[in-house]
Amino acid sequence: PQTGKPGSKFGGVTVQDVAAMETVTIGLKGDSERTKLAEIEQRLEAWLKEHAPEYVRAGPLRLMGYNSPQIRPELRYYEVELPVKKR
């Protein structure tokens, strides 16, 4: 509430409220290429398979980028999240 209301802001950016969730996350440095994302998703799915008695997948893969386009790709930090929920 202190930062504003959801909706269209600043041209093509849309601000949304997203419900709280549990995720399995891998933090990475570098460019978030689609081929690399497929590999990361496989790693997260492997973790999920190891923990299958406890967790199930609860949504699509999410990419969380933290740097502006002015930061060189090899220096950017991002996270790849897989939403999960307890069985």
N, C-alpha and C. Protein backbone atom coordinates (compact mmCIF):
# COMPACT_ATOMS: atom_id res chain seq x y z
N PRO A 1 0.81 -1.22 0.00
CA PRO A 1 0.00 0.00 0.00
C PRO A 1 0.84 1.27 0.00
N GLN A 2 2.04 1.22 0.62
CA GLN A 2 2.86 2.43 0.69
C GLN A 2 3.52 2.76 -0.64
N THR A 3 3.65 1.79 -1.54
CA THR A 3 4.36 2.03 -2.79
C THR A 3 3.44 2.29 -3.97
N GLY A 4 2.14 2.21 -3.76
CA GLY A 4 1.22 2.49 -4.85
C GLY A 4 0.25 1.36 -5.08
N LYS A 5 -0.54 1.49 -6.14
CA LYS A 5 -1.57 0.51 -6.45
C LYS A 5 -1.16 -0.30 -7.68
N PRO A 6 -1.60 -1.58 -7.73
CA PRO A 6 -1.33 -2.38 -8.93
C PRO A 6 -1.98 -1.77 -10.16
N GLY A 7 -1.46 -2.09 -11.33
CA GLY A 7 -2.01 -1.61 -12.59
C GLY A 7 -0.91 -1.27 -13.56
N SER A 8 -1.28 -0.70 -14.70
CA SER A 8 -0.31 -0.32 -15.71
C SER A 8 0.45 0.92 -15.26
N LYS A 9 1.76 0.82 -15.35
CA LYS A 9 2.62 1.94 -14.94
C LYS A 9 3.72 2.11 -15.98
N PHE A 10 4.13 3.29 -16.20
CA PHE A 10 5.32 3.57 -16.98
C PHE A 10 5.39 2.81 -18.30
N GLY A 11 4.39 2.95 -19.12
CA GLY A 11 4.42 2.31 -20.43
C GLY A 11 4.09 0.84 -20.37
N GLY A 12 5.06 -0.02 -20.69
CA GLY A 12 4.82 -1.46 -20.78
C GLY A 12 4.96 -2.22 -19.48
N VAL A 13 5.19 -1.54 -18.37
CA VAL A 13 5.36 -2.22 -17.09
C VAL A 13 4.02 -2.32 -16.38
N THR A 14 3.68 -3.51 -15.88
CA THR A 14 2.47 -3.71 -15.12
C THR A 14 2.85 -4.16 -13.72
N VAL A 15 2.33 -3.48 -12.72
CA VAL A 15 2.57 -3.84 -11.32
C VAL A 15 1.42 -4.74 -10.88
N GLN A 16 1.79 -5.92 -10.31
CA GLN A 16 0.77 -6.88 -9.87
C GLN A 16 1.06 -7.31 -8.44
N ASP A 17 -0.01 -7.56 -7.69
CA ASP A 17 0.12 -8.22 -6.40
C ASP A 17 0.07 -9.72 -6.67
N VAL A 18 0.98 -10.44 -6.06
CA VAL A 18 1.02 -11.90 -6.21
C VAL A 18 0.93 -12.50 -4.83
N ALA A 19 0.09 -13.51 -4.69
CA ALA A 19 -0.08 -14.16 -3.39
C ALA A 19 1.23 -14.79 -2.93
N ALA A 20 1.43 -14.84 -1.62
CA ALA A 20 2.62 -15.47 -1.06
C ALA A 20 2.67 -16.93 -1.49
N MET A 21 3.89 -17.43 -1.68
CA MET A 21 4.06 -18.82 -2.12
C MET A 21 5.40 -19.34 -1.64
N GLU A 22 5.52 -20.66 -1.60
CA GLU A 22 6.80 -21.30 -1.34
C GLU A 22 7.43 -21.62 -2.68
N THR A 23 8.73 -21.48 -2.77
CA THR A 23 9.43 -21.82 -4.01
C THR A 23 10.73 -22.54 -3.70
N VAL A 24 11.20 -23.26 -4.69
CA VAL A 24 12.57 -23.77 -4.71
C VAL A 24 13.28 -22.86 -5.70
N THR A 25 14.42 -22.29 -5.28
CA THR A 25 15.05 -21.23 -6.06
C THR A 25 16.53 -21.45 -6.25
N ILE A 26 17.01 -21.11 -7.43
CA ILE A 26 18.45 -21.10 -7.72
C ILE A 26 18.81 -19.69 -8.14
N GLY A 27 19.82 -19.10 -7.48
CA GLY A 27 20.32 -17.78 -7.84
C GLY A 27 21.49 -17.92 -8.79
N LEU A 28 21.54 -17.09 -9.82
CA LEU A 28 22.56 -17.18 -10.85
C LEU A 28 23.12 -15.82 -11.22
N LYS A 29 24.30 -15.83 -11.76
CA LYS A 29 24.92 -14.61 -12.27
C LYS A 29 25.19 -14.82 -13.76
N GLY A 30 24.89 -13.82 -14.56
CA GLY A 30 25.11 -13.91 -15.99
C GLY A 30 23.84 -13.63 -16.76
N ASP A 31 23.84 -14.02 -18.02
CA ASP A 31 22.70 -13.78 -18.89
C ASP A 31 21.67 -14.89 -18.71
N SER A 32 20.39 -14.55 -18.70
CA SER A 32 19.33 -15.54 -18.50
C SER A 32 18.84 -16.07 -19.85
N GLU A 33 19.69 -16.77 -20.55
CA GLU A 33 19.35 -17.34 -21.87
C GLU A 33 18.30 -18.42 -21.70
N ARG A 34 17.43 -18.56 -22.68
CA ARG A 34 16.37 -19.58 -22.63
C ARG A 34 16.95 -20.99 -22.52
N THR A 35 18.06 -21.28 -23.19
CA THR A 35 18.65 -22.61 -23.11
C THR A 35 19.13 -22.89 -21.69
N LYS A 36 19.69 -21.88 -21.04
CA LYS A 36 20.14 -22.05 -19.66
C LYS A 36 18.95 -22.25 -18.73
N LEU A 37 17.84 -21.56 -18.99
CA LEU A 37 16.66 -21.71 -18.15
C LEU A 37 16.12 -23.13 -18.20
N ALA A 38 16.18 -23.78 -19.34
CA ALA A 38 15.72 -25.17 -19.45
C ALA A 38 16.58 -26.07 -18.56
N GLU A 39 17.88 -25.83 -18.53
CA GLU A 39 18.79 -26.61 -17.69
C GLU A 39 18.48 -26.36 -16.20
N ILE A 40 18.24 -25.12 -15.83
CA ILE A 40 17.93 -24.79 -14.44
C ILE A 40 16.60 -25.42 -14.03
N GLU A 41 15.62 -25.40 -14.94
CA GLU A 41 14.34 -26.03 -14.63
C GLU A 41 14.53 -27.53 -14.37
N GLN A 42 15.40 -28.17 -15.14
CA GLN A 42 15.69 -29.59 -14.92
C GLN A 42 16.30 -29.81 -13.54
N ARG A 43 17.20 -28.93 -13.12
CA ARG A 43 17.81 -29.03 -11.79
C ARG A 43 16.76 -28.88 -10.69
N LEU A 44 15.85 -27.92 -10.86
CA LEU A 44 14.80 -27.73 -9.87
C LEU A 44 13.84 -28.91 -9.85
N GLU A 45 13.52 -29.45 -11.01
CA GLU A 45 12.66 -30.64 -11.09
C GLU A 45 13.33 -31.84 -10.44
N ALA A 46 14.66 -31.95 -10.57
CA ALA A 46 15.39 -33.04 -9.91
C ALA A 46 15.27 -32.92 -8.39
N TRP A 47 15.39 -31.69 -7.88
CA TRP A 47 15.21 -31.48 -6.44
C TRP A 47 13.81 -31.90 -6.03
N LEU A 48 12.82 -31.49 -6.83
CA LEU A 48 11.43 -31.81 -6.53
C LEU A 48 11.22 -33.32 -6.52
N LYS A 49 11.84 -34.01 -7.44
CA LYS A 49 11.72 -35.48 -7.50
C LYS A 49 12.30 -36.11 -6.23
N GLU A 50 13.43 -35.59 -5.76
CA GLU A 50 14.05 -36.09 -4.52
C GLU A 50 13.16 -35.85 -3.31
N HIS A 51 12.36 -34.80 -3.35
CA HIS A 51 11.51 -34.42 -2.23
C HIS A 51 10.03 -34.67 -2.52
N ALA A 52 9.75 -35.58 -3.44
CA ALA A 52 8.37 -35.86 -3.86
C ALA A 52 7.44 -36.27 -2.72
N PRO A 53 7.92 -36.98 -1.70
CA PRO A 53 6.99 -37.30 -0.61
C PRO A 53 6.49 -36.05 0.14
N GLU A 54 7.23 -34.96 0.05
CA GLU A 54 6.89 -33.75 0.79
C GLU A 54 6.24 -32.66 -0.06
N TYR A 55 6.68 -32.51 -1.34
CA TYR A 55 6.28 -31.36 -2.15
C TYR A 55 5.81 -31.77 -3.54
N VAL A 56 4.96 -30.93 -4.11
CA VAL A 56 4.54 -31.04 -5.51
C VAL A 56 4.69 -29.67 -6.16
N ARG A 57 4.83 -29.69 -7.48
CA ARG A 57 4.92 -28.43 -8.22
C ARG A 57 3.59 -27.69 -8.12
N ALA A 58 3.67 -26.36 -7.98
CA ALA A 58 2.46 -25.57 -7.77
C ALA A 58 2.31 -24.42 -8.76
N GLY A 59 3.05 -24.44 -9.88
CA GLY A 59 2.91 -23.36 -10.84
C GLY A 59 4.04 -23.34 -11.83
N PRO A 60 3.99 -22.39 -12.76
CA PRO A 60 5.02 -22.30 -13.79
C PRO A 60 6.32 -21.71 -13.24
N LEU A 61 7.39 -21.99 -13.95
CA LEU A 61 8.70 -21.45 -13.62
C LEU A 61 8.64 -19.92 -13.64
N ARG A 62 9.35 -19.28 -12.72
CA ARG A 62 9.38 -17.81 -12.65
C ARG A 62 10.82 -17.34 -12.74
N LEU A 63 11.04 -16.27 -13.46
CA LEU A 63 12.36 -15.66 -13.59
C LEU A 63 12.31 -14.29 -12.91
N MET A 64 13.20 -14.09 -11.95
CA MET A 64 13.25 -12.85 -11.20
C MET A 64 14.57 -12.15 -11.51
N GLY A 65 14.53 -11.09 -12.31
CA GLY A 65 15.73 -10.34 -12.66
C GLY A 65 15.86 -9.11 -11.79
N TYR A 66 17.09 -8.75 -11.42
CA TYR A 66 17.29 -7.66 -10.46
C TYR A 66 18.10 -6.49 -11.00
N ASN A 67 18.62 -6.58 -12.20
CA ASN A 67 19.49 -5.51 -12.69
C ASN A 67 18.88 -4.79 -13.88
N SER A 68 19.33 -3.55 -14.09
CA SER A 68 18.87 -2.77 -15.23
C SER A 68 19.57 -3.26 -16.51
N PRO A 69 19.03 -2.89 -17.65
CA PRO A 69 19.67 -3.27 -18.91
C PRO A 69 21.07 -2.67 -19.08
N GLN A 70 21.40 -1.64 -18.31
CA GLN A 70 22.72 -1.03 -18.43
C GLN A 70 23.83 -1.89 -17.82
N ILE A 71 23.46 -2.87 -17.00
CA ILE A 71 24.46 -3.78 -16.41
C ILE A 71 24.84 -4.82 -17.46
N ARG A 72 26.14 -5.03 -17.65
CA ARG A 72 26.59 -6.02 -18.62
C ARG A 72 26.00 -7.39 -18.30
N PRO A 73 25.59 -8.16 -19.31
CA PRO A 73 24.93 -9.44 -19.06
C PRO A 73 25.70 -10.38 -18.12
N GLU A 74 27.02 -10.43 -18.24
CA GLU A 74 27.78 -11.35 -17.39
C GLU A 74 27.81 -10.94 -15.92
N LEU A 75 27.38 -9.71 -15.61
CA LEU A 75 27.37 -9.23 -14.22
C LEU A 75 25.97 -9.24 -13.60
N ARG A 76 24.95 -9.55 -14.39
CA ARG A 76 23.57 -9.52 -13.88
C ARG A 76 23.31 -10.68 -12.92
N TYR A 77 22.43 -10.42 -11.94
CA TYR A 77 22.02 -11.46 -10.99
C TYR A 77 20.53 -11.71 -11.19
N TYR A 78 20.15 -12.98 -11.19
CA TYR A 78 18.75 -13.33 -11.30
C TYR A 78 18.49 -14.63 -10.56
N GLU A 79 17.21 -14.90 -10.29
CA GLU A 79 16.80 -16.13 -9.65
C GLU A 79 15.78 -16.83 -10.53
N VAL A 80 15.84 -18.14 -10.52
CA VAL A 80 14.84 -18.96 -11.19
C VAL A 80 14.09 -19.70 -10.09
N GLU A 81 12.77 -19.51 -10.06
CA GLU A 81 11.95 -20.08 -9.00
C GLU A 81 10.95 -21.09 -9.55
N LEU A 82 10.78 -22.16 -8.79
CA LEU A 82 9.76 -23.15 -9.10
C LEU A 82 8.80 -23.17 -7.91
N PRO A 83 7.55 -22.70 -8.10
CA PRO A 83 6.58 -22.73 -7.00
C PRO A 83 6.28 -24.17 -6.59
N VAL A 84 6.23 -24.41 -5.28
CA VAL A 84 5.93 -25.73 -4.73
C VAL A 84 4.91 -25.58 -3.61
N LYS A 85 4.27 -26.70 -3.28
CA LYS A 85 3.40 -26.73 -2.11
C LYS A 85 3.55 -28.09 -1.43
N LYS A 86 3.29 -28.10 -0.14
CA LYS A 86 3.38 -29.34 0.61
C LYS A 86 2.22 -30.24 0.22
N ARG A 87 2.50 -31.54 0.20
CA ARG A 87 1.44 -32.53 -0.10
C ARG A 87 0.41 -32.55 1.00
